[in-house]
Amino acid sequence: PALSVERDAANARVTEILSSCESTQQSLSSNVDESKKETARLIAEKRDAIESLSAERDAANDRVAELLSRCERTEQALSSLTSNVEESKREIARLLEEKK
């Protein structure tokens, strides 16, 4: 009879431990699922931010390329104007010389 009581108490304790383990396992499983969802959300959020920043970078690069092209055209026009001014100065000097 005493062994039976001890056995019953041990079985009750084992059942209690198993129940606690199952509860812990369910809690851990739930936490893992929640962590996976949160990780997926964060990854999607970061991916969207990267895509947005990449689009902004590409737009900025296009604008820089456009400005560089305009600068080159402006430099060419300025060079041409400078050349025309020098040619005009020579022509004026020649005409003044002829007038003397």
PDB file of N, CA and C in Angstrom:
ATOM      1  N   PRO A   1       0.823  -1.205   0.000  1.00  0.00           N
ATOM      2  CA  PRO A   1       0.000   0.000   0.000  1.00  0.00           C
ATOM      3  C   PRO A   1       0.863   1.263   0.000  1.00  0.00           C
ATOM      4  N   ALA A   2       1.930   1.325   0.783  1.00  0.00           N
ATOM      5  CA  ALA A   2       2.772   2.515   0.835  1.00  0.00           C
ATOM      6  C   ALA A   2       3.437   2.732  -0.521  1.00  0.00           C
ATOM      7  N   LEU A   3       3.875   1.637  -1.153  1.00  0.00           N
ATOM      8  CA  LEU A   3       4.500   1.754  -2.474  1.00  0.00           C
ATOM      9  C   LEU A   3       3.485   2.245  -3.504  1.00  0.00           C
ATOM     10  N   SER A   4       2.269   1.789  -3.336  1.00  0.00           N
ATOM     11  CA  SER A   4       1.209   2.205  -4.252  1.00  0.00           C
ATOM     12  C   SER A   4       0.976   3.714  -4.143  1.00  0.00           C
ATOM     13  N   VAL A   5       1.009   4.221  -2.941  1.00  0.00           N
ATOM     14  CA  VAL A   5       0.812   5.659  -2.720  1.00  0.00           C
ATOM     15  C   VAL A   5       1.982   6.429  -3.327  1.00  0.00           C
ATOM     16  N   GLU A   6       3.200   5.913  -3.092  1.00  0.00           N
ATOM     17  CA  GLU A   6       4.380   6.567  -3.657  1.00  0.00           C
ATOM     18  C   GLU A   6       4.346   6.528  -5.184  1.00  0.00           C
ATOM     19  N   ARG A   7       3.941   5.359  -5.714  1.00  0.00           N
ATOM     20  CA  ARG A   7       3.833   5.221  -7.167  1.00  0.00           C
ATOM     21  C   ARG A   7       2.810   6.194  -7.718  1.00  0.00           C
ATOM     22  N   ASP A   8       1.666   6.299  -7.086  1.00  0.00           N
ATOM     23  CA  ASP A   8       0.617   7.223  -7.535  1.00  0.00           C
ATOM     24  C   ASP A   8       1.094   8.678  -7.467  1.00  0.00           C
ATOM     25  N   ALA A   9       1.831   9.002  -6.405  1.00  0.00           N
ATOM     26  CA  ALA A   9       2.357  10.360  -6.258  1.00  0.00           C
ATOM     27  C   ALA A   9       3.401  10.634  -7.351  1.00  0.00           C
ATOM     28  N   ALA A  10       4.255   9.628  -7.631  1.00  0.00           N
ATOM     29  CA  ALA A  10       5.277   9.779  -8.668  1.00  0.00           C
ATOM     30  C   ALA A  10       4.608   9.930 -10.035  1.00  0.00           C
ATOM     31  N   ASN A  11       3.568   9.120 -10.273  1.00  0.00           N
ATOM     32  CA  ASN A  11       2.841   9.216 -11.549  1.00  0.00           C
ATOM     33  C   ASN A  11       2.171  10.584 -11.695  1.00  0.00           C
ATOM     34  N   ALA A  12       1.613  11.076 -10.604  1.00  0.00           N
ATOM     35  CA  ALA A  12       0.981  12.399 -10.626  1.00  0.00           C
ATOM     36  C   ALA A  12       2.029  13.471 -10.938  1.00  0.00           C
ATOM     37  N   ARG A  13       3.203  13.323 -10.334  1.00  0.00           N
ATOM     38  CA  ARG A  13       4.288  14.291 -10.565  1.00  0.00           C
ATOM     39  C   ARG A  13       4.764  14.222 -12.020  1.00  0.00           C
ATOM     40  N   VAL A  14       4.891  13.014 -12.544  1.00  0.00           N
ATOM     41  CA  VAL A  14       5.293  12.843 -13.951  1.00  0.00           C
ATOM     42  C   VAL A  14       4.245  13.482 -14.861  1.00  0.00           C
ATOM     43  N   THR A  15       2.999  13.252 -14.577  1.00  0.00           N
ATOM     44  CA  THR A  15       1.913  13.837 -15.371  1.00  0.00           C
ATOM     45  C   THR A  15       1.984  15.363 -15.309  1.00  0.00           C
ATOM     46  N   GLU A  16       2.236  15.867 -14.129  1.00  0.00           N
ATOM     47  CA  GLU A  16       2.359  17.318 -13.936  1.00  0.00           C
ATOM     48  C   GLU A  16       3.547  17.867 -14.748  1.00  0.00           C
ATOM     49  N   ILE A  17       4.675  17.153 -14.690  1.00  0.00           N
ATOM     50  CA  ILE A  17       5.863  17.576 -15.435  1.00  0.00           C
ATOM     51  C   ILE A  17       5.594  17.518 -16.936  1.00  0.00           C
ATOM     52  N   LEU A  18       4.956  16.442 -17.392  1.00  0.00           N
ATOM     53  CA  LEU A  18       4.640  16.318 -18.820  1.00  0.00           C
ATOM     54  C   LEU A  18       3.708  17.450 -19.267  1.00  0.00           C
ATOM     55  N   SER A  19       2.736  17.752 -18.452  1.00  0.00           N
ATOM     56  CA  SER A  19       1.804  18.836 -18.767  1.00  0.00           C
ATOM     57  C   SER A  19       2.545  20.169 -18.848  1.00  0.00           C
ATOM     58  N   SER A  20       3.455  20.381 -17.912  1.00  0.00           N
ATOM     59  CA  SER A  20       4.251  21.606 -17.918  1.00  0.00           C
ATOM     60  C   SER A  20       5.130  21.670 -19.168  1.00  0.00           C
ATOM     61  N   CYS A  21       5.717  20.536 -19.534  1.00  0.00           N
ATOM     62  CA  CYS A  21       6.553  20.478 -20.736  1.00  0.00           C
ATOM     63  C   CYS A  21       5.730  20.783 -21.986  1.00  0.00           C
ATOM     64  N   GLU A  22       4.528  20.195 -22.069  1.00  0.00           N
ATOM     65  CA  GLU A  22       3.667  20.444 -23.227  1.00  0.00           C
ATOM     66  C   GLU A  22       3.278  21.919 -23.306  1.00  0.00           C
ATOM     67  N   SER A  23       2.972  22.502 -22.163  1.00  0.00           N
ATOM     68  CA  SER A  23       2.623  23.923 -22.121  1.00  0.00           C
ATOM     69  C   SER A  23       3.812  24.782 -22.569  1.00  0.00           C
ATOM     70  N   THR A  24       4.993  24.435 -22.080  1.00  0.00           N
ATOM     71  CA  THR A  24       6.203  25.169 -22.466  1.00  0.00           C
ATOM     72  C   THR A  24       6.465  25.011 -23.954  1.00  0.00           C
ATOM     73  N   GLN A  25       6.284  23.795 -24.460  1.00  0.00           N
ATOM     74  CA  GLN A  25       6.500  23.541 -25.884  1.00  0.00           C
ATOM     75  C   GLN A  25       5.518  24.358 -26.732  1.00  0.00           C
ATOM     76  N   GLN A  26       4.265  24.412 -26.320  1.00  0.00           N
ATOM     77  CA  GLN A  26       3.272  25.196 -27.057  1.00  0.00           C
ATOM     78  C   GLN A  26       3.630  26.683 -27.030  1.00  0.00           C
ATOM     79  N   SER A  27       4.066  27.142 -25.865  1.00  0.00           N
ATOM     80  CA  SER A  27       4.455  28.544 -25.728  1.00  0.00           C
ATOM     81  C   SER A  27       5.654  28.861 -26.625  1.00  0.00           C
ATOM     82  N   LEU A  28       6.647  27.977 -26.619  1.00  0.00           N
ATOM     83  CA  LEU A  28       7.827  28.175 -27.463  1.00  0.00           C
ATOM     84  C   LEU A  28       7.454  28.150 -28.945  1.00  0.00           C
ATOM     85  N   SER A  29       6.588  27.233 -29.293  1.00  0.00           N
ATOM     86  CA  SER A  29       6.139  27.119 -30.680  1.00  0.00           C
ATOM     87  C   SER A  29       5.418  28.397 -31.104  1.00  0.00           C
ATOM     88  N   SER A  30       4.580  28.898 -30.224  1.00  0.00           N
ATOM     89  CA  SER A  30       3.871  30.147 -30.515  1.00  0.00           C
ATOM     90  C   SER A  30       4.857  31.298 -30.662  1.00  0.00           C
ATOM     91  N   ASN A  31       5.857  31.344 -29.767  1.00  0.00           N
ATOM     92  CA  ASN A  31       6.871  32.402 -29.850  1.00  0.00           C
ATOM     93  C   ASN A  31       7.677  32.305 -31.145  1.00  0.00           C
ATOM     94  N   VAL A  32       8.003  31.090 -31.551  1.00  0.00           N
ATOM     95  CA  VAL A  32       8.740  30.893 -32.801  1.00  0.00           C
ATOM     96  C   VAL A  32       7.898  31.386 -33.978  1.00  0.00           C
ATOM     97  N   ASP A  33       6.620  31.029 -33.989  1.00  0.00           N
ATOM     98  CA  ASP A  33       5.737  31.477 -35.072  1.00  0.00           C
ATOM     99  C   ASP A  33       5.650  33.003 -35.105  1.00  0.00           C
ATOM    100  N   GLU A  34       5.506  33.596 -33.945  1.00  0.00           N
ATOM    101  CA  GLU A  34       5.424  35.060 -33.853  1.00  0.00           C
ATOM    102  C   GLU A  34       6.734  35.694 -34.321  1.00  0.00           C
ATOM    103  N   SER A  35       7.857  35.102 -33.932  1.00  0.00           N
ATOM    104  CA  SER A  35       9.163  35.611 -34.362  1.00  0.00           C
ATOM    105  C   SER A  35       9.319  35.510 -35.876  1.00  0.00           C
ATOM    106  N   LYS A  36       8.856  34.412 -36.447  1.00  0.00           N
ATOM    107  CA  LYS A  36       8.936  34.247 -37.898  1.00  0.00           C
ATOM    108  C   LYS A  36       8.104  35.313 -38.601  1.00  0.00           C
ATOM    109  N   LYS A  37       6.902  35.570 -38.096  1.00  0.00           N
ATOM    110  CA  LYS A  37       6.045  36.595 -38.692  1.00  0.00           C
ATOM    111  C   LYS A  37       6.694  37.969 -38.593  1.00  0.00           C
ATOM    112  N   GLU A  38       7.241  38.277 -37.419  1.00  0.00           N
ATOM    113  CA  GLU A  38       7.883  39.571 -37.201  1.00  0.00           C
ATOM    114  C   GLU A  38       9.117  39.707 -38.094  1.00  0.00           C
ATOM    115  N   THR A  39       9.882  38.639 -38.227  1.00  0.00           N
ATOM    116  CA  THR A  39      11.061  38.657 -39.093  1.00  0.00           C
ATOM    117  C   THR A  39      10.653  38.892 -40.545  1.00  0.00           C
ATOM    118  N   ALA A  40       9.617  38.204 -40.982  1.00  0.00           N
ATOM    119  CA  ALA A  40       9.141  38.381 -42.363  1.00  0.00           C
ATOM    120  C   ALA A  40       8.655  39.814 -42.576  1.00  0.00           C
ATOM    121  N   ARG A  41       7.973  40.373 -41.580  1.00  0.00           N
ATOM    122  CA  ARG A  41       7.481  41.746 -41.685  1.00  0.00           C
ATOM    123  C   ARG A  41       8.661  42.720 -41.783  1.00  0.00           C
ATOM    124  N   LEU A  42       9.659  42.516 -40.931  1.00  0.00           N
ATOM    125  CA  LEU A  42      10.830  43.399 -40.937  1.00  0.00           C
ATOM    126  C   LEU A  42      11.607  43.286 -42.246  1.00  0.00           C
ATOM    127  N   ILE A  43      11.734  42.071 -42.751  1.00  0.00           N
ATOM    128  CA  ILE A  43      12.434  41.872 -44.024  1.00  0.00           C
ATOM    129  C   ILE A  43      11.699  42.596 -45.145  1.00  0.00           C
ATOM    130  N   ALA A  44      10.368  42.461 -45.169  1.00  0.00           N
ATOM    131  CA  ALA A  44       9.578  43.138 -46.201  1.00  0.00           C
ATOM    132  C   ALA A  44       9.714  44.657 -46.066  1.00  0.00           C
ATOM    133  N   GLU A  45       9.688  45.133 -44.832  1.00  0.00           N
ATOM    134  CA  GLU A  45       9.829  46.574 -44.577  1.00  0.00           C
ATOM    135  C   GLU A  45      11.189  47.072 -45.065  1.00  0.00           C
ATOM    136  N   LYS A  46      12.249  46.338 -44.728  1.00  0.00           N
ATOM    137  CA  LYS A  46      13.591  46.733 -45.150  1.00  0.00           C
ATOM    138  C   LYS A  46      13.741  46.634 -46.670  1.00  0.00           C
ATOM    139  N   ARG A  47      13.144  45.624 -47.262  1.00  0.00           N
ATOM    140  CA  ARG A  47      13.205  45.460 -48.719  1.00  0.00           C
ATOM    141  C   ARG A  47      12.525  46.648 -49.404  1.00  0.00           C
ATOM    142  N   ASP A  48      11.364  47.053 -48.866  1.00  0.00           N
ATOM    143  CA  ASP A  48      10.660  48.211 -49.427  1.00  0.00           C
ATOM    144  C   ASP A  48      11.515  49.475 -49.301  1.00  0.00           C
ATOM    145  N   ALA A  49      12.162  49.634 -48.147  1.00  0.00           N
ATOM    146  CA  ALA A  49      13.017  50.807 -47.932  1.00  0.00           C
ATOM    147  C   ALA A  49      14.188  50.794 -48.914  1.00  0.00           C
ATOM    148  N   ILE A  50      14.777  49.629 -49.113  1.00  0.00           N
ATOM    149  CA  ILE A  50      15.901  49.508 -50.049  1.00  0.00           C
ATOM    150  C   ILE A  50      15.447  49.839 -51.472  1.00  0.00           C
ATOM    151  N   GLU A  51      14.285  49.322 -51.863  1.00  0.00           N
ATOM    152  CA  GLU A  51      13.771  49.596 -53.204  1.00  0.00           C
ATOM    153  C   GLU A  51      13.488  51.082 -53.384  1.00  0.00           C
ATOM    154  N   SER A  52      12.918  51.692 -52.350  1.00  0.00           N
ATOM    155  CA  SER A  52      12.619  53.121 -52.405  1.00  0.00           C
ATOM    156  C   SER A  52      13.906  53.937 -52.512  1.00  0.00           C
ATOM    157  N   LEU A  53      14.892  53.594 -51.688  1.00  0.00           N
ATOM    158  CA  LEU A  53      16.169  54.306 -51.735  1.00  0.00           C
ATOM    159  C   LEU A  53      16.882  54.084 -53.060  1.00  0.00           C
ATOM    160  N   SER A  54      16.773  52.884 -53.594  1.00  0.00           N
ATOM    161  CA  SER A  54      17.389  52.597 -54.897  1.00  0.00           C
ATOM    162  C   SER A  54      16.742  53.441 -55.990  1.00  0.00           C
ATOM    163  N   ALA A  55      15.427  53.579 -55.925  1.00  0.00           N
ATOM    164  CA  ALA A  55      14.720  54.401 -56.912  1.00  0.00           C
ATOM    165  C   ALA A  55      15.139  55.864 -56.778  1.00  0.00           C
ATOM    166  N   GLU A  56      15.253  56.339 -55.542  1.00  0.00           N
ATOM    167  CA  GLU A  56      15.708  57.717 -55.315  1.00  0.00           C
ATOM    168  C   GLU A  56      17.128  57.915 -55.828  1.00  0.00           C
ATOM    169  N   ARG A  57      17.996  56.935 -55.560  1.00  0.00           N
ATOM    170  CA  ARG A  57      19.381  57.008 -56.035  1.00  0.00           C
ATOM    171  C   ARG A  57      19.418  57.054 -57.560  1.00  0.00           C
ATOM    172  N   ASP A  58      18.628  56.196 -58.205  1.00  0.00           N
ATOM    173  CA  ASP A  58      18.605  56.160 -59.661  1.00  0.00           C
ATOM    174  C   ASP A  58      18.119  57.490 -60.235  1.00  0.00           C
ATOM    175  N   ALA A  59      17.089  58.065 -59.603  1.00  0.00           N
ATOM    176  CA  ALA A  59      16.577  59.361 -60.058  1.00  0.00           C
ATOM    177  C   ALA A  59      17.633  60.445 -59.881  1.00  0.00           C
ATOM    178  N   ALA A  60      18.333  60.407 -58.754  1.00  0.00           N
ATOM    179  CA  ALA A  60      19.398  61.392 -58.507  1.00  0.00           C
ATOM    180  C   ALA A  60      20.529  61.220 -59.523  1.00  0.00           C
ATOM    181  N   ASN A  61      20.895  59.984 -59.816  1.00  0.00           N
ATOM    182  CA  ASN A  61      21.946  59.723 -60.810  1.00  0.00           C
ATOM    183  C   ASN A  61      21.532  60.237 -62.194  1.00  0.00           C
ATOM    184  N   ASP A  62      20.253  60.036 -62.536  1.00  0.00           N
ATOM    185  CA  ASP A  62      19.756  60.537 -63.819  1.00  0.00           C
ATOM    186  C   ASP A  62      19.837  62.062 -63.863  1.00  0.00           C
ATOM    187  N   ARG A  63      19.480  62.697 -62.755  1.00  0.00           N
ATOM    188  CA  ARG A  63      19.527  64.169 -62.676  1.00  0.00           C
ATOM    189  C   ARG A  63      20.976  64.658 -62.795  1.00  0.00           C
ATOM    190  N   VAL A  64      21.894  63.983 -62.124  1.00  0.00           N
ATOM    191  CA  VAL A  64      23.316  64.360 -62.207  1.00  0.00           C
ATOM    192  C   VAL A  64      23.804  64.207 -63.652  1.00  0.00           C
ATOM    193  N   ALA A  65      23.436  63.118 -64.298  1.00  0.00           N
ATOM    194  CA  ALA A  65      23.854  62.900 -65.687  1.00  0.00           C
ATOM    195  C   ALA A  65      23.293  64.006 -66.589  1.00  0.00           C
ATOM    196  N   GLU A  66      22.046  64.379 -66.338  1.00  0.00           N
ATOM    197  CA  GLU A  66      21.427  65.451 -67.122  1.00  0.00           C
ATOM    198  C   GLU A  66      22.173  66.778 -66.898  1.00  0.00           C
ATOM    199  N   LEU A  67      22.493  67.078 -65.652  1.00  0.00           N
ATOM    200  CA  LEU A  67      23.202  68.322 -65.336  1.00  0.00           C
ATOM    201  C   LEU A  67      24.611  68.329 -65.936  1.00  0.00           C
ATOM    202  N   LEU A  68      25.284  67.188 -65.875  1.00  0.00           N
ATOM    203  CA  LEU A  68      26.622  67.100 -66.483  1.00  0.00           C
ATOM    204  C   LEU A  68      26.550  67.340 -67.989  1.00  0.00           C
ATOM    205  N   SER A  69      25.543  66.786 -68.607  1.00  0.00           N
ATOM    206  CA  SER A  69      25.364  66.968 -70.045  1.00  0.00           C
ATOM    207  C   SER A  69      25.114  68.444 -70.364  1.00  0.00           C
ATOM    208  N   ARG A  70      24.281  69.092 -69.540  1.00  0.00           N
ATOM    209  CA  ARG A  70      24.017  70.516 -69.747  1.00  0.00           C
ATOM    210  C   ARG A  70      25.292  71.336 -69.550  1.00  0.00           C
ATOM    211  N   CYS A  71      26.088  70.960 -68.553  1.00  0.00           N
ATOM    212  CA  CYS A  71      27.359  71.660 -68.321  1.00  0.00           C
ATOM    213  C   CYS A  71      28.272  71.525 -69.527  1.00  0.00           C
ATOM    214  N   GLU A  72      28.339  70.338 -70.087  1.00  0.00           N
ATOM    215  CA  GLU A  72      29.192  70.121 -71.258  1.00  0.00           C
ATOM    216  C   GLU A  72      28.715  70.974 -72.435  1.00  0.00           C
ATOM    217  N   ARG A  73      27.392  71.022 -72.630  1.00  0.00           N
ATOM    218  CA  ARG A  73      26.858  71.842 -73.729  1.00  0.00           C
ATOM    219  C   ARG A  73      27.136  73.327 -73.472  1.00  0.00           C
ATOM    220  N   THR A  74      27.015  73.736 -72.199  1.00  0.00           N
ATOM    221  CA  THR A  74      27.296  75.132 -71.840  1.00  0.00           C
ATOM    222  C   THR A  74      28.762  75.451 -72.078  1.00  0.00           C
ATOM    223  N   GLU A  75      29.645  74.545 -71.697  1.00  0.00           N
ATOM    224  CA  GLU A  75      31.085  74.755 -71.924  1.00  0.00           C
ATOM    225  C   GLU A  75      31.391  74.859 -73.413  1.00  0.00           C
ATOM    226  N   GLN A  76      30.736  74.019 -74.198  1.00  0.00           N
ATOM    227  CA  GLN A  76      30.951  74.076 -75.646  1.00  0.00           C
ATOM    228  C   GLN A  76      30.463  75.405 -76.214  1.00  0.00           C
ATOM    229  N   ALA A  77      29.285  75.842 -75.760  1.00  0.00           N
ATOM    230  CA  ALA A  77      28.744  77.118 -76.238  1.00  0.00           C
ATOM    231  C   ALA A  77      29.652  78.269 -75.809  1.00  0.00           C
ATOM    232  N   LEU A  78      30.139  78.234 -74.570  1.00  0.00           N
ATOM    233  CA  LEU A  78      31.035  79.278 -74.070  1.00  0.00           C
ATOM    234  C   LEU A  78      32.335  79.305 -74.861  1.00  0.00           C
ATOM    235  N   SER A  79      32.851  78.148 -75.154  1.00  0.00           N
ATOM    236  CA  SER A  79      34.076  78.061 -75.945  1.00  0.00           C
ATOM    237  C   SER A  79      33.849  78.653 -77.336  1.00  0.00           C
ATOM    238  N   SER A  80      32.703  78.332 -77.902  1.00  0.00           N
ATOM    239  CA  SER A  80      32.374  78.858 -79.227  1.00  0.00           C
ATOM    240  C   SER A  80      32.226  80.375 -79.178  1.00  0.00           C
ATOM    241  N   LEU A  81      31.548  80.873 -78.153  1.00  0.00           N
ATOM    242  CA  LEU A  81      31.375  82.322 -78.008  1.00  0.00           C
ATOM    243  C   LEU A  81      32.718  83.017 -77.796  1.00  0.00           C
ATOM    244  N   THR A  82      33.567  82.414 -76.975  1.00  0.00           N
ATOM    245  CA  THR A  82      34.896  82.979 -76.732  1.00  0.00           C
ATOM    246  C   THR A  82      35.680  83.047 -78.037  1.00  0.00           C
ATOM    247  N   SER A  83      35.576  82.003 -78.803  1.00  0.00           N
ATOM    248  CA  SER A  83      36.259  81.960 -80.106  1.00  0.00           C
ATOM    249  C   SER A  83      35.703  83.051 -81.018  1.00  0.00           C
ATOM    250  N   ASN A  84      34.393  83.238 -81.022  1.00  0.00           N
ATOM    251  CA  ASN A  84      33.763  84.270 -81.850  1.00  0.00           C
ATOM    252  C   ASN A  84      34.199  85.666 -81.399  1.00  0.00           C
ATOM    253  N   VAL A  85      34.284  85.861 -80.072  1.00  0.00           N
ATOM    254  CA  VAL A  85      34.716  87.155 -79.546  1.00  0.00           C
ATOM    255  C   VAL A  85      36.151  87.442 -79.997  1.00  0.00           C
ATOM    256  N   GLU A  86      37.023  86.455 -79.880  1.00  0.00           N
ATOM    257  CA  GLU A  86      38.409  86.642 -80.299  1.00  0.00           C
ATOM    258  C   GLU A  86      38.493  86.954 -81.792  1.00  0.00           C
ATOM    259  N   GLU A  87      37.698  86.259 -82.575  1.00  0.00           N
ATOM    260  CA  GLU A  87      37.681  86.505 -84.020  1.00  0.00           C
ATOM    261  C   GLU A  87      37.147  87.906 -84.308  1.00  0.00           C
ATOM    262  N   SER A  88      36.126  88.318 -83.562  1.00  0.00           N
ATOM    263  CA  SER A  88      35.575  89.671 -83.736  1.00  0.00           C
ATOM    264  C   SER A  88      36.601  90.723 -83.357  1.00  0.00           C
ATOM    265  N   LYS A  89      37.341  90.505 -82.279  1.00  0.00           N
ATOM    266  CA  LYS A  89      38.389  91.449 -81.867  1.00  0.00           C
ATOM    267  C   LYS A  89      39.438  91.597 -82.966  1.00  0.00           C
ATOM    268  N   ARG A  90      39.830  90.470 -83.545  1.00  0.00           N
ATOM    269  CA  ARG A  90      40.824  90.519 -84.625  1.00  0.00           C
ATOM    270  C   ARG A  90      40.276  91.281 -85.841  1.00  0.00           C
ATOM    271  N   GLU A  91      39.009  91.021 -86.134  1.00  0.00           N
ATOM    272  CA  GLU A  91      38.385  91.692 -87.283  1.00  0.00           C
ATOM    273  C   GLU A  91      38.287  93.190 -87.031  1.00  0.00           C
ATOM    274  N   ILE A  92      37.904  93.587 -85.818  1.00  0.00           N
ATOM    275  CA  ILE A  92      37.817  95.009 -85.460  1.00  0.00           C
ATOM    276  C   ILE A  92      39.198  95.647 -85.545  1.00  0.00           C
ATOM    277  N   ALA A  93      40.189  94.958 -85.018  1.00  0.00           N
ATOM    278  CA  ALA A  93      41.558  95.485 -85.066  1.00  0.00           C
ATOM    279  C   ALA A  93      42.012  95.647 -86.510  1.00  0.00           C
ATOM    280  N   ARG A  94      41.689  94.681 -87.371  1.00  0.00           N
ATOM    281  CA  ARG A  94      42.064  94.751 -88.778  1.00  0.00           C
ATOM    282  C   ARG A  94      41.369  95.941 -89.455  1.00  0.00           C
ATOM    283  N   LEU A  95      40.063  96.094 -89.150  1.00  0.00           N
ATOM    284  CA  LEU A  95      39.311  97.202 -89.770  1.00  0.00           C
ATOM    285  C   LEU A  95      39.839  98.544 -89.288  1.00  0.00           C
ATOM    286  N   LEU A  96      40.203  98.632 -87.997  1.00  0.00           N
ATOM    287  CA  LEU A  96      40.764  99.875 -87.470  1.00  0.00           C
ATOM    288  C   LEU A  96      42.113 100.171 -88.124  1.00  0.00           C
ATOM    289  N   GLU A  97      42.861  99.130 -88.358  1.00  0.00           N
ATOM    290  CA  GLU A  97      44.151  99.286 -88.984  1.00  0.00           C
ATOM    291  C   GLU A  97      43.975  99.760 -90.430  1.00  0.00           C
ATOM    292  N   GLU A  98      42.973  99.221 -91.115  1.00  0.00           N
ATOM    293  CA  GLU A  98      42.723  99.626 -92.504  1.00  0.00           C
ATOM    294  C   GLU A  98      42.267 101.081 -92.559  1.00  0.00           C
ATOM    295  N   LYS A  99      41.543 101.522 -91.569  1.00  0.00           N
ATOM    296  CA  LYS A  99      40.995 102.873 -91.525  1.00  0.00           C
ATOM    297  C   LYS A  99      42.093 103.914 -91.372  1.00  0.00           C
ATOM    298  N   LYS A 100      43.212 103.543 -90.804  1.00  0.00           N
ATOM    299  CA  LYS A 100      44.322 104.492 -90.564  1.00  0.00           C
ATOM    300  C   LYS A 100      44.982 104.886 -91.820  1.00  0.00           C
TER     301      LYS A 100
END
